N, C-alpha and C. Protein backbone atom coordinates (compact mmCIF):
# COMPACT_ATOMS: atom_id res chain seq x y z
N MET A 1 0.75 -1.13 -0.05
CA MET A 1 -0.10 0.08 -0.08
C MET A 1 0.97 1.26 0.10
N VAL A 2 1.99 1.34 0.81
CA VAL A 2 2.81 2.33 0.93
C VAL A 2 3.56 2.58 -0.64
N LEU A 3 3.80 1.54 -1.18
CA LEU A 3 4.36 1.31 -2.57
C LEU A 3 3.28 2.09 -3.65
N GLU A 4 1.96 1.59 -3.30
CA GLU A 4 1.05 2.08 -4.29
C GLU A 4 0.64 3.76 -4.37
N GLN A 5 0.68 4.12 -3.06
CA GLN A 5 0.41 5.44 -2.61
C GLN A 5 1.48 6.15 -2.93
N PHE A 6 2.60 6.00 -2.18
CA PHE A 6 3.82 7.22 -2.26
C PHE A 6 4.94 7.04 -3.37
N ILE A 7 4.86 5.70 -3.91
CA ILE A 7 5.93 5.46 -5.05
C ILE A 7 5.26 5.36 -6.45
N GLU A 8 4.31 4.50 -6.69
CA GLU A 8 3.50 4.64 -7.89
C GLU A 8 2.59 5.67 -7.94
N GLN A 9 2.21 6.32 -6.78
CA GLN A 9 1.26 7.32 -6.75
C GLN A 9 0.04 7.11 -7.62
N GLU A 10 -0.77 5.86 -7.32
CA GLU A 10 -1.88 5.65 -7.96
C GLU A 10 -3.01 6.60 -8.18
N TYR A 11 -3.09 7.78 -7.04
CA TYR A 11 -4.31 8.57 -6.92
C TYR A 11 -3.47 9.90 -7.46
N LYS A 12 -2.39 10.03 -8.35
CA LYS A 12 -2.07 11.13 -8.67
C LYS A 12 -2.83 12.10 -9.42
N TRP A 13 -3.68 11.24 -10.32
CA TRP A 13 -4.49 11.82 -11.25
C TRP A 13 -5.60 12.90 -10.61
N LEU A 14 -5.88 12.59 -9.43
CA LEU A 14 -6.94 13.20 -8.56
C LEU A 14 -6.33 14.66 -7.94
N ASN A 15 -6.83 15.74 -8.51
CA ASN A 15 -6.50 16.81 -8.05
C ASN A 15 -7.26 17.30 -6.77
N VAL A 16 -6.46 16.95 -5.78
CA VAL A 16 -7.00 17.33 -4.47
C VAL A 16 -6.72 18.87 -4.02
N LYS A 17 -5.97 19.57 -4.65
CA LYS A 17 -5.59 20.88 -3.90
C LYS A 17 -6.48 21.74 -3.42
N HIS A 18 -6.54 22.11 -2.14
CA HIS A 18 -7.58 22.92 -1.84
C HIS A 18 -8.85 22.46 -1.98
N LYS A 19 -9.06 21.33 -2.12
CA LYS A 19 -10.35 20.59 -2.00
C LYS A 19 -10.60 19.71 -1.08
N ASP A 20 -12.05 19.60 -0.71
CA ASP A 20 -12.53 18.63 0.19
C ASP A 20 -12.17 17.10 -0.43
N VAL A 21 -11.99 15.92 0.33
CA VAL A 21 -11.80 14.81 -0.28
C VAL A 21 -12.71 13.74 0.48
N ILE A 22 -13.51 13.07 -0.08
CA ILE A 22 -14.12 11.99 0.35
C ILE A 22 -13.39 10.58 0.20
N ASP A 23 -12.87 10.06 1.10
CA ASP A 23 -12.06 8.68 0.94
C ASP A 23 -12.83 7.51 1.44
N ILE A 24 -13.33 6.80 0.40
CA ILE A 24 -14.32 5.56 0.93
C ILE A 24 -13.26 4.07 0.71
N GLY A 25 -13.05 3.62 1.83
CA GLY A 25 -12.27 2.37 1.86
C GLY A 25 -10.65 3.06 2.34
N ALA A 26 -10.77 3.63 3.45
CA ALA A 26 -9.51 4.30 4.00
C ALA A 26 -8.39 3.46 4.24
N ASN A 27 -8.75 2.17 4.64
CA ASN A 27 -7.83 1.09 5.01
C ASN A 27 -7.07 1.45 6.22
N ILE A 28 -5.76 1.54 5.96
CA ILE A 28 -4.80 2.12 7.16
C ILE A 28 -4.53 3.56 7.13
N GLY A 29 -5.15 4.23 6.31
CA GLY A 29 -5.01 5.71 6.62
C GLY A 29 -3.92 6.27 5.36
N ASP A 30 -3.64 5.33 4.55
CA ASP A 30 -2.45 5.66 3.43
C ASP A 30 -2.84 6.56 2.60
N SER A 31 -3.93 6.34 1.78
CA SER A 31 -4.46 7.27 0.94
C SER A 31 -5.06 8.65 1.38
N ALA A 32 -5.58 8.50 2.50
CA ALA A 32 -5.89 9.98 3.22
C ALA A 32 -4.63 10.58 3.63
N ILE A 33 -3.59 10.10 4.03
CA ILE A 33 -2.37 10.70 4.33
C ILE A 33 -1.72 11.32 3.10
N TYR A 34 -1.76 10.65 1.86
CA TYR A 34 -1.22 11.07 0.67
C TYR A 34 -2.18 12.18 0.26
N PHE A 35 -3.47 12.10 0.37
CA PHE A 35 -4.03 13.32 -0.06
C PHE A 35 -3.89 14.73 0.90
N ALA A 36 -3.62 14.39 2.17
CA ALA A 36 -3.54 15.59 2.93
C ALA A 36 -1.93 16.18 2.60
N LEU A 37 -1.09 15.29 2.35
CA LEU A 37 0.23 15.81 2.06
C LEU A 37 0.37 16.39 0.57
N ASN A 38 -0.51 16.34 -0.28
CA ASN A 38 -0.61 16.75 -1.52
C ASN A 38 -1.62 18.05 -1.56
N GLY A 39 -2.04 18.50 -0.36
CA GLY A 39 -2.71 19.93 -0.42
C GLY A 39 -3.99 19.92 -0.27
N ALA A 40 -4.76 18.74 -0.14
CA ALA A 40 -6.24 18.56 -0.01
C ALA A 40 -6.63 19.70 1.34
N LYS A 41 -8.06 20.26 1.34
CA LYS A 41 -8.33 21.03 2.29
C LYS A 41 -8.74 20.34 3.43
N HIS A 42 -9.71 19.25 3.46
CA HIS A 42 -9.80 18.18 4.49
C HIS A 42 -10.21 16.96 3.76
N ILE A 43 -9.91 15.92 4.61
CA ILE A 43 -10.29 14.50 4.01
C ILE A 43 -11.11 13.90 5.01
N TYR A 44 -12.42 13.52 4.50
CA TYR A 44 -13.39 12.74 5.34
C TYR A 44 -13.23 11.23 5.04
N ALA A 45 -12.55 10.60 5.70
CA ALA A 45 -12.08 8.99 5.55
C ALA A 45 -13.06 8.12 6.21
N PHE A 46 -13.40 6.94 5.50
CA PHE A 46 -14.43 5.86 5.92
C PHE A 46 -13.60 4.44 5.88
N GLU A 47 -13.63 3.96 6.95
CA GLU A 47 -13.10 2.53 7.12
C GLU A 47 -13.93 1.68 7.92
N LEU A 48 -14.35 0.66 7.10
CA LEU A 48 -15.43 -0.33 8.03
C LEU A 48 -14.91 -1.11 9.04
N TYR A 49 -13.60 -1.68 8.81
CA TYR A 49 -13.10 -2.66 9.56
C TYR A 49 -12.37 -2.05 10.68
N PRO A 50 -12.70 -2.50 12.03
CA PRO A 50 -11.88 -2.06 13.19
C PRO A 50 -10.40 -1.89 13.07
N TYR A 51 -10.17 -3.27 12.61
CA TYR A 51 -8.44 -3.37 12.67
C TYR A 51 -7.80 -2.52 11.85
N SER A 52 -8.32 -2.05 10.55
CA SER A 52 -7.68 -1.17 9.69
C SER A 52 -7.75 0.26 10.36
N TYR A 53 -9.21 0.32 10.58
CA TYR A 53 -9.32 1.66 11.51
C TYR A 53 -8.53 2.06 12.44
N ASN A 54 -8.44 1.26 13.40
CA ASN A 54 -7.06 1.50 14.68
C ASN A 54 -5.77 1.75 13.88
N LEU A 55 -5.41 1.17 13.02
CA LEU A 55 -3.97 1.33 12.44
C LEU A 55 -4.07 2.86 11.49
N ALA A 56 -5.29 3.08 11.12
CA ALA A 56 -5.25 4.29 10.44
C ALA A 56 -5.12 5.47 11.26
N ILE A 57 -5.66 5.34 12.46
CA ILE A 57 -5.85 6.37 13.60
C ILE A 57 -4.16 6.53 13.95
N LYS A 58 -3.53 5.41 14.18
CA LYS A 58 -1.96 5.44 14.79
C LYS A 58 -1.32 6.17 13.59
N ASN A 59 -1.49 5.89 12.12
CA ASN A 59 -0.76 6.25 11.25
C ASN A 59 -1.19 8.09 10.91
N ILE A 60 -2.26 8.25 11.28
CA ILE A 60 -2.83 9.82 11.07
C ILE A 60 -2.03 10.51 12.23
N ASN A 61 -2.05 9.90 13.63
CA ASN A 61 -1.31 10.48 14.67
C ASN A 61 -0.04 10.64 14.52
N LEU A 62 0.59 9.64 14.05
CA LEU A 62 2.18 9.63 13.77
C LEU A 62 2.58 10.77 12.70
N ASN A 63 1.68 10.92 11.73
CA ASN A 63 2.06 11.98 10.78
C ASN A 63 1.45 13.38 10.99
N GLU A 64 0.71 13.43 12.25
CA GLU A 64 0.32 14.94 12.77
C GLU A 64 -0.59 15.47 11.92
N LEU A 65 -1.58 14.63 11.47
CA LEU A 65 -2.48 15.13 10.36
C LEU A 65 -3.98 15.05 10.84
N ASN A 66 -4.14 14.98 12.30
CA ASN A 66 -5.67 15.12 12.89
C ASN A 66 -6.25 16.24 12.48
N ASN A 67 -5.60 17.13 12.00
CA ASN A 67 -6.42 18.44 11.77
C ASN A 67 -6.87 18.31 10.24
N LYS A 68 -6.52 17.61 9.52
CA LYS A 68 -6.52 17.49 8.16
C LYS A 68 -7.59 16.31 7.67
N ILE A 69 -7.45 15.36 8.65
CA ILE A 69 -8.38 14.18 8.30
C ILE A 69 -9.18 13.79 9.35
N SER A 70 -10.64 13.58 9.00
CA SER A 70 -11.60 13.11 9.94
C SER A 70 -11.60 11.72 9.44
N LEU A 71 -11.38 10.69 10.42
CA LEU A 71 -11.67 9.29 10.29
C LEU A 71 -12.79 8.70 10.83
N PHE A 72 -13.51 7.88 10.22
CA PHE A 72 -14.82 7.51 10.64
C PHE A 72 -14.91 5.69 10.43
N ASN A 73 -15.12 5.18 11.58
CA ASN A 73 -15.16 3.71 11.33
C ASN A 73 -16.80 3.42 11.14
N GLN A 74 -16.88 3.41 9.78
CA GLN A 74 -18.30 3.37 9.06
C GLN A 74 -18.03 2.54 7.68
N GLY A 75 -18.87 1.96 7.21
CA GLY A 75 -19.04 1.69 5.92
C GLY A 75 -19.75 2.59 5.21
N VAL A 76 -19.90 2.39 3.87
CA VAL A 76 -20.77 3.35 2.80
C VAL A 76 -21.45 2.27 2.10
N GLY A 77 -22.67 2.72 2.00
CA GLY A 77 -23.57 1.59 1.05
C GLY A 77 -24.73 2.39 0.52
N THR A 78 -25.88 1.53 0.17
CA THR A 78 -26.98 1.88 -0.63
C THR A 78 -27.97 2.59 0.29
N LYS A 79 -27.80 2.30 1.49
CA LYS A 79 -28.89 2.83 2.66
C LYS A 79 -28.26 2.91 3.93
N LYS A 80 -28.81 3.58 4.91
CA LYS A 80 -28.24 3.48 6.20
C LYS A 80 -28.62 2.31 6.98
N SER A 81 -27.65 1.67 7.30
CA SER A 81 -27.93 0.42 8.06
C SER A 81 -26.73 0.00 9.13
N SER A 82 -26.52 -1.03 9.41
CA SER A 82 -25.49 -1.52 10.45
C SER A 82 -25.07 -2.97 10.13
N ILE A 83 -23.68 -3.46 10.50
CA ILE A 83 -23.35 -4.66 10.23
C ILE A 83 -22.47 -4.97 11.34
N MET A 84 -22.52 -6.16 11.80
CA MET A 84 -21.52 -6.83 12.96
C MET A 84 -20.26 -7.23 12.30
N ILE A 85 -19.17 -6.59 13.05
CA ILE A 85 -17.66 -7.00 12.51
C ILE A 85 -17.09 -7.60 14.02
N LYS A 86 -16.00 -8.52 13.88
CA LYS A 86 -15.32 -9.03 14.92
C LYS A 86 -14.25 -7.73 15.12
N ARG A 87 -14.11 -7.43 16.40
CA ARG A 87 -13.20 -6.48 16.63
C ARG A 87 -11.77 -6.96 16.29
N ASN A 88 -11.32 -8.30 16.65
CA ASN A 88 -10.25 -8.88 16.36
C ASN A 88 -9.86 -9.50 14.89
N PHE A 89 -10.94 -8.98 14.11
CA PHE A 89 -10.58 -9.80 12.51
C PHE A 89 -9.68 -8.79 11.93
N LYS A 90 -8.55 -9.69 11.41
CA LYS A 90 -7.54 -8.75 10.95
C LYS A 90 -7.94 -9.04 9.36
N ASN A 91 -8.33 -7.68 8.81
CA ASN A 91 -8.59 -7.62 7.30
C ASN A 91 -7.39 -7.02 6.65
N TYR A 92 -7.42 -7.51 5.53
CA TYR A 92 -6.14 -6.74 4.59
C TYR A 92 -6.79 -5.90 3.40
N GLY A 93 -5.74 -5.50 2.66
CA GLY A 93 -6.32 -4.65 1.59
C GLY A 93 -7.22 -5.24 0.57
N GLY A 94 -7.30 -6.68 0.48
CA GLY A 94 -8.41 -7.04 -0.51
C GLY A 94 -9.64 -7.63 0.19
N THR A 95 -9.84 -7.65 1.45
CA THR A 95 -10.84 -7.94 2.11
C THR A 95 -12.20 -7.28 1.93
N ASP A 96 -13.18 -7.89 1.21
CA ASP A 96 -14.53 -7.46 1.08
C ASP A 96 -15.36 -7.47 2.22
N LEU A 97 -16.74 -7.18 2.26
CA LEU A 97 -17.64 -6.90 3.33
C LEU A 97 -17.76 -8.34 3.82
N LYS A 98 -17.84 -8.51 5.14
CA LYS A 98 -18.12 -9.70 5.45
C LYS A 98 -18.89 -9.44 6.98
N ALA A 99 -19.80 -10.16 7.20
CA ALA A 99 -20.65 -10.01 8.44
C ALA A 99 -20.39 -10.91 9.49
N PHE A 100 -20.61 -10.65 10.64
CA PHE A 100 -20.22 -11.79 11.59
C PHE A 100 -21.46 -11.86 12.57
N ASP A 101 -21.52 -13.17 13.38
CA ASP A 101 -22.62 -13.27 14.30
C ASP A 101 -22.33 -12.59 15.69
N LYS A 102 -21.07 -12.24 15.97
CA LYS A 102 -20.88 -11.44 17.03
C LYS A 102 -19.76 -10.38 16.71
N GLY A 103 -19.70 -9.52 17.57
CA GLY A 103 -18.65 -8.24 17.27
C GLY A 103 -19.22 -6.87 17.61
N ASP A 104 -18.69 -6.06 16.78
CA ASP A 104 -18.73 -4.69 17.11
C ASP A 104 -20.07 -4.52 16.23
N ILE A 105 -21.04 -3.50 16.35
CA ILE A 105 -21.90 -3.03 15.33
C ILE A 105 -21.46 -1.81 14.74
N ILE A 106 -21.36 -2.04 13.47
CA ILE A 106 -20.63 -0.86 12.68
C ILE A 106 -21.52 -0.08 11.84
N ASN A 107 -21.91 1.10 11.84
CA ASN A 107 -22.81 1.60 10.83
C ASN A 107 -22.39 1.86 9.64
N ILE A 108 -23.56 1.64 8.63
CA ILE A 108 -23.31 1.87 7.23
C ILE A 108 -24.06 3.29 6.96
N THR A 109 -23.25 4.33 6.20
CA THR A 109 -23.80 5.46 5.93
C THR A 109 -24.04 5.61 4.33
N THR A 110 -24.18 6.61 3.70
CA THR A 110 -24.67 6.63 2.16
C THR A 110 -23.92 7.63 1.81
N LEU A 111 -23.55 7.91 0.50
CA LEU A 111 -22.79 8.73 -0.11
C LEU A 111 -23.75 10.16 0.12
N GLU A 112 -25.03 10.01 -0.05
CA GLU A 112 -25.86 11.28 0.14
C GLU A 112 -25.74 11.92 1.25
N GLU A 113 -25.84 10.91 2.45
CA GLU A 113 -25.48 11.53 3.76
C GLU A 113 -24.44 12.38 3.91
N ILE A 114 -23.44 11.75 3.52
CA ILE A 114 -22.10 12.40 3.80
C ILE A 114 -22.03 13.68 3.11
N VAL A 115 -22.40 13.79 1.86
CA VAL A 115 -22.43 14.97 1.17
C VAL A 115 -23.10 16.20 1.81
N ASN A 116 -24.38 15.74 2.37
CA ASN A 116 -25.33 16.59 3.06
C ASN A 116 -24.57 17.03 4.55
N LYS A 117 -24.13 16.11 5.20
CA LYS A 117 -23.47 16.17 6.62
C LYS A 117 -22.48 17.31 6.45
N PHE A 118 -21.55 17.16 5.75
CA PHE A 118 -20.20 17.90 5.39
C PHE A 118 -20.26 19.01 4.54
N LYS A 119 -21.73 19.39 3.93
CA LYS A 119 -21.54 20.28 2.89
C LYS A 119 -20.53 20.26 1.77
N ILE A 120 -20.67 19.08 1.33
CA ILE A 120 -19.59 18.74 0.20
C ILE A 120 -20.09 19.41 -1.05
N ASN A 121 -19.06 20.01 -1.76
CA ASN A 121 -19.36 20.74 -3.09
C ASN A 121 -17.91 20.84 -3.78
N ASN A 122 -17.97 20.53 -5.06
CA ASN A 122 -16.70 20.72 -5.85
C ASN A 122 -15.70 19.98 -5.20
N ALA A 123 -15.91 18.61 -4.85
CA ALA A 123 -14.97 17.91 -4.01
C ALA A 123 -14.23 16.90 -5.07
N ALA A 124 -13.59 16.15 -4.15
CA ALA A 124 -12.86 14.86 -4.97
C ALA A 124 -13.39 13.58 -4.24
N LEU A 125 -13.76 12.62 -4.94
CA LEU A 125 -13.98 11.19 -4.44
C LEU A 125 -13.26 10.13 -4.86
N LYS A 126 -12.85 9.44 -3.75
CA LYS A 126 -11.95 8.26 -4.07
C LYS A 126 -12.63 6.75 -3.60
N ILE A 127 -12.83 6.12 -4.29
CA ILE A 127 -13.66 4.86 -3.58
C ILE A 127 -12.60 3.54 -4.09
N ASP A 128 -12.40 2.91 -3.00
CA ASP A 128 -11.65 1.45 -3.12
C ASP A 128 -12.10 0.50 -2.05
N CYS A 129 -13.33 -0.21 -2.29
CA CYS A 129 -13.76 -0.82 -1.03
C CYS A 129 -14.12 -2.14 -1.55
N GLU A 130 -13.39 -2.81 -2.53
CA GLU A 130 -13.44 -4.47 -2.86
C GLU A 130 -14.94 -4.75 -3.18
N GLY A 131 -15.72 -4.02 -3.96
CA GLY A 131 -16.74 -4.28 -4.57
C GLY A 131 -17.89 -3.45 -4.04
N CYS A 132 -17.82 -2.87 -2.96
CA CYS A 132 -19.18 -2.13 -2.66
C CYS A 132 -19.31 -0.71 -3.45
N GLU A 133 -18.44 -0.48 -4.37
CA GLU A 133 -18.40 0.91 -5.29
C GLU A 133 -19.80 0.46 -6.17
N TYR A 134 -20.12 -0.56 -6.51
CA TYR A 134 -21.28 -0.69 -7.18
C TYR A 134 -22.61 -0.06 -6.60
N ASN A 135 -22.78 -0.80 -5.30
CA ASN A 135 -23.92 -0.21 -4.69
C ASN A 135 -23.87 1.32 -4.33
N ILE A 136 -22.77 1.95 -3.96
CA ILE A 136 -22.74 3.34 -3.76
C ILE A 136 -22.79 4.06 -5.12
N ILE A 137 -22.28 4.00 -6.12
CA ILE A 137 -22.61 4.66 -7.35
C ILE A 137 -23.80 4.29 -8.08
N LEU A 138 -24.13 3.28 -8.38
CA LEU A 138 -25.41 2.85 -9.02
C LEU A 138 -26.78 3.37 -8.39
N ASN A 139 -26.53 3.47 -6.89
CA ASN A 139 -27.79 4.06 -6.28
C ASN A 139 -27.48 5.55 -5.91
N ALA A 140 -26.56 6.12 -6.33
CA ALA A 140 -26.33 7.58 -5.94
C ALA A 140 -27.21 8.42 -6.80
N SER A 141 -27.94 9.59 -6.55
CA SER A 141 -28.60 10.32 -7.41
C SER A 141 -27.36 11.32 -8.14
N ASP A 142 -27.97 11.91 -9.25
CA ASP A 142 -27.14 12.91 -10.16
C ASP A 142 -26.84 13.96 -9.28
N ASP A 143 -27.73 14.55 -8.20
CA ASP A 143 -27.23 15.56 -7.59
C ASP A 143 -26.38 15.40 -6.70
N THR A 144 -26.18 14.26 -6.09
CA THR A 144 -25.28 13.77 -5.18
C THR A 144 -23.76 13.62 -5.66
N LEU A 145 -23.89 12.86 -6.94
CA LEU A 145 -22.80 12.78 -7.61
C LEU A 145 -22.10 14.10 -8.29
N MET A 146 -22.78 15.09 -8.79
CA MET A 146 -22.36 16.17 -9.16
C MET A 146 -21.76 17.12 -8.14
N LYS A 147 -21.80 16.59 -6.93
CA LYS A 147 -21.19 17.41 -5.86
C LYS A 147 -19.47 17.43 -5.94
N PHE A 148 -19.14 16.15 -6.84
CA PHE A 148 -17.76 15.87 -7.03
C PHE A 148 -17.20 16.35 -8.55
N ASN A 149 -16.30 16.92 -8.53
CA ASN A 149 -15.86 17.25 -9.87
C ASN A 149 -14.81 16.25 -10.46
N GLN A 150 -14.21 15.35 -9.60
CA GLN A 150 -13.44 14.32 -10.01
C GLN A 150 -13.71 13.09 -9.16
N ILE A 151 -13.77 12.09 -9.66
CA ILE A 151 -14.14 10.65 -9.01
C ILE A 151 -13.04 9.53 -9.55
N ILE A 152 -12.47 8.89 -8.53
CA ILE A 152 -11.38 7.93 -9.09
C ILE A 152 -12.08 6.78 -8.33
N ILE A 153 -12.19 5.56 -8.94
CA ILE A 153 -12.81 4.32 -8.60
C ILE A 153 -11.88 3.08 -8.87
N GLU A 154 -11.46 2.49 -7.77
CA GLU A 154 -10.90 1.02 -8.28
C GLU A 154 -12.03 0.16 -8.56
N TYR A 155 -12.19 -0.30 -9.63
CA TYR A 155 -13.48 -1.31 -9.90
C TYR A 155 -12.62 -2.68 -9.55
N HIS A 156 -13.77 -3.68 -9.39
CA HIS A 156 -13.21 -5.04 -8.86
C HIS A 156 -14.00 -6.17 -9.66
N TYR A 157 -15.23 -5.65 -10.19
CA TYR A 157 -15.79 -6.64 -11.16
C TYR A 157 -16.30 -6.13 -12.62
N GLY A 158 -15.34 -5.35 -13.00
CA GLY A 158 -15.71 -4.72 -14.36
C GLY A 158 -16.21 -3.46 -14.08
N TYR A 159 -16.23 -2.57 -15.24
CA TYR A 159 -16.49 -1.19 -15.01
C TYR A 159 -17.68 -0.58 -16.17
N LEU A 160 -18.42 -1.60 -16.91
CA LEU A 160 -19.19 -0.85 -17.65
C LEU A 160 -20.55 -0.13 -17.07
N ASN A 161 -21.17 -0.73 -16.11
CA ASN A 161 -22.03 -0.22 -15.50
C ASN A 161 -21.84 0.94 -14.66
N LEU A 162 -20.60 1.07 -14.16
CA LEU A 162 -20.22 2.35 -13.50
C LEU A 162 -19.78 3.46 -14.53
N LYS A 163 -19.35 3.02 -15.71
CA LYS A 163 -19.01 4.13 -16.46
C LYS A 163 -20.25 4.53 -17.09
N SER A 164 -21.46 3.80 -17.23
CA SER A 164 -22.80 4.11 -17.89
C SER A 164 -23.21 5.13 -16.99
N LYS A 165 -23.31 4.67 -15.74
CA LYS A 165 -24.24 5.57 -14.86
C LYS A 165 -23.43 6.73 -14.67
N LEU A 166 -22.15 6.99 -14.75
CA LEU A 166 -21.42 8.45 -14.28
C LEU A 166 -21.45 9.19 -15.70
N GLU A 167 -21.44 8.48 -16.82
CA GLU A 167 -21.83 9.46 -18.04
C GLU A 167 -23.07 9.96 -18.15
N LYS A 168 -23.87 9.17 -17.79
CA LYS A 168 -25.58 9.55 -17.64
C LYS A 168 -25.64 10.66 -16.80
N SER A 169 -24.86 10.89 -15.79
CA SER A 169 -24.91 11.77 -14.78
C SER A 169 -24.10 13.18 -15.13
N GLY A 170 -23.47 13.07 -16.47
CA GLY A 170 -22.58 14.15 -16.98
C GLY A 170 -21.21 14.01 -16.72
N PHE A 171 -20.70 13.04 -16.45
CA PHE A 171 -19.23 13.03 -16.55
C PHE A 171 -18.69 12.64 -17.55
N ILE A 172 -17.43 12.94 -17.72
CA ILE A 172 -16.55 12.49 -19.13
C ILE A 172 -15.63 11.22 -18.05
N VAL A 173 -15.81 10.02 -18.70
CA VAL A 173 -15.13 9.04 -18.03
C VAL A 173 -14.02 8.05 -18.93
N LYS A 174 -13.12 7.73 -18.30
CA LYS A 174 -12.05 6.90 -18.87
C LYS A 174 -11.82 5.85 -17.86
N ASN A 175 -11.11 4.80 -18.40
CA ASN A 175 -10.73 3.70 -17.38
C ASN A 175 -9.47 3.02 -18.00
N THR A 176 -8.83 2.35 -16.93
CA THR A 176 -7.78 1.54 -17.43
C THR A 176 -8.31 0.20 -18.13
N PHE A 177 -7.44 -0.51 -18.85
CA PHE A 177 -7.83 -1.92 -19.28
C PHE A 177 -7.74 -2.63 -17.99
N PRO A 178 -8.93 -3.55 -18.08
CA PRO A 178 -9.12 -4.41 -17.09
C PRO A 178 -8.22 -5.58 -16.99
N ARG A 179 -8.15 -5.88 -15.87
CA ARG A 179 -7.23 -7.35 -15.57
C ARG A 179 -7.67 -8.22 -14.73
N TYR A 180 -7.29 -9.50 -15.02
CA TYR A 180 -8.07 -10.50 -14.00
C TYR A 180 -6.98 -10.52 -12.60
N SER A 181 -7.89 -10.74 -11.71
CA SER A 181 -7.22 -10.87 -10.47
C SER A 181 -7.66 -11.97 -9.29
N PHE A 182 -7.05 -13.08 -8.91
CA PHE A 182 -7.59 -13.96 -8.06
C PHE A 182 -7.20 -13.67 -6.59
N ASN A 183 -8.49 -13.17 -5.94
CA ASN A 183 -8.42 -12.78 -4.66
C ASN A 183 -8.96 -13.70 -3.53
N THR A 184 -8.03 -14.17 -2.76
CA THR A 184 -8.64 -15.26 -1.59
C THR A 184 -9.37 -14.67 -0.63
N GLU A 185 -9.16 -13.13 -0.56
CA GLU A 185 -9.81 -12.57 0.83
C GLU A 185 -11.35 -12.05 0.62
N SER A 186 -11.65 -12.29 -0.86
CA SER A 186 -13.05 -11.85 -1.07
C SER A 186 -13.90 -13.16 -1.47
N GLU A 187 -15.23 -12.99 -1.25
CA GLU A 187 -16.24 -14.31 -1.34
C GLU A 187 -16.05 -14.50 -2.87
N ASN A 188 -16.25 -13.68 -3.64
CA ASN A 188 -15.86 -13.97 -5.21
C ASN A 188 -14.44 -13.86 -5.51
N HIS A 189 -13.76 -15.00 -5.55
CA HIS A 189 -12.37 -14.69 -5.76
C HIS A 189 -11.82 -14.26 -7.05
N ASP A 190 -12.89 -14.40 -8.14
CA ASP A 190 -12.40 -14.02 -9.66
C ASP A 190 -12.73 -12.45 -9.47
N MET A 191 -11.79 -11.74 -9.77
CA MET A 191 -12.12 -10.20 -9.94
C MET A 191 -11.49 -9.88 -11.34
N ILE A 192 -12.27 -8.73 -11.80
CA ILE A 192 -11.70 -8.12 -13.03
C ILE A 192 -11.49 -6.56 -12.57
N ILE A 193 -10.30 -6.25 -12.47
CA ILE A 193 -10.07 -5.02 -11.75
C ILE A 193 -9.23 -4.02 -12.63
N GLY A 194 -9.41 -2.59 -12.17
CA GLY A 194 -8.82 -1.68 -12.88
C GLY A 194 -9.26 -0.35 -12.16
N PHE A 195 -8.88 0.84 -12.95
CA PHE A 195 -9.31 2.10 -12.43
C PHE A 195 -10.14 2.92 -13.35
N LEU A 196 -11.06 3.59 -12.60
CA LEU A 196 -11.97 4.39 -13.50
C LEU A 196 -12.08 6.01 -13.18
N TYR A 197 -11.78 6.83 -14.15
CA TYR A 197 -11.57 8.01 -13.63
C TYR A 197 -12.72 9.04 -14.34
N ALA A 198 -13.38 9.88 -13.68
CA ALA A 198 -14.47 10.71 -13.98
C ALA A 198 -14.41 12.06 -13.62
N THR A 199 -14.45 13.02 -14.78
CA THR A 199 -14.46 14.26 -14.50
C THR A 199 -15.73 14.87 -14.83
N LEU A 200 -16.16 15.93 -14.09
CA LEU A 200 -17.11 16.76 -14.35
C LEU A 200 -16.73 17.95 -15.17
N PRO A 201 -17.38 18.11 -16.55
CA PRO A 201 -16.79 19.32 -17.25
C PRO A 201 -17.20 20.47 -16.46
N LEU A 202 -16.35 21.74 -16.93
CA LEU A 202 -16.61 22.68 -16.27
C LEU A 202 -17.96 23.53 -17.03
């Protein structure tokens, strides 16, 4: 993850300077820290799993970026709900959404609620959540999506429906060539992954 963020700079395309950034799938805080160091106004970062969330807290504190990054132990989905997650479950970068019979109750919020709560406008959106991108984007209203002038998504099961939705909402959309990935951490091991870049014309 350090290699991806700070050496390969896979989010370099996203112009975050002086912008608010919504970071969905914050993991250990690496992408949020990258955005903060590259001039973002403020980052609202969402990480579902307690294990990664606690590591993200430590990393944000170590980098003294608490004033630039607001971190939430929440997921983002189609509607407001909740899920039970084991506190000691060690998720890694490729872990998809998993519910447990016992554990902490973790809230699920929506992109619309985030936009309204933090008065988001002309912002940047990053999504990397191992498959939840489809529920978030495909169920978002045009008004909600148009609060962002740039969106970068790591897609995991193809991009056509995401691209179609964003184009219908007024975005110019480009994508990387999809590649196959076998992911043992996800319920569906067979992934077709890549990046999708959406820009709202001026």
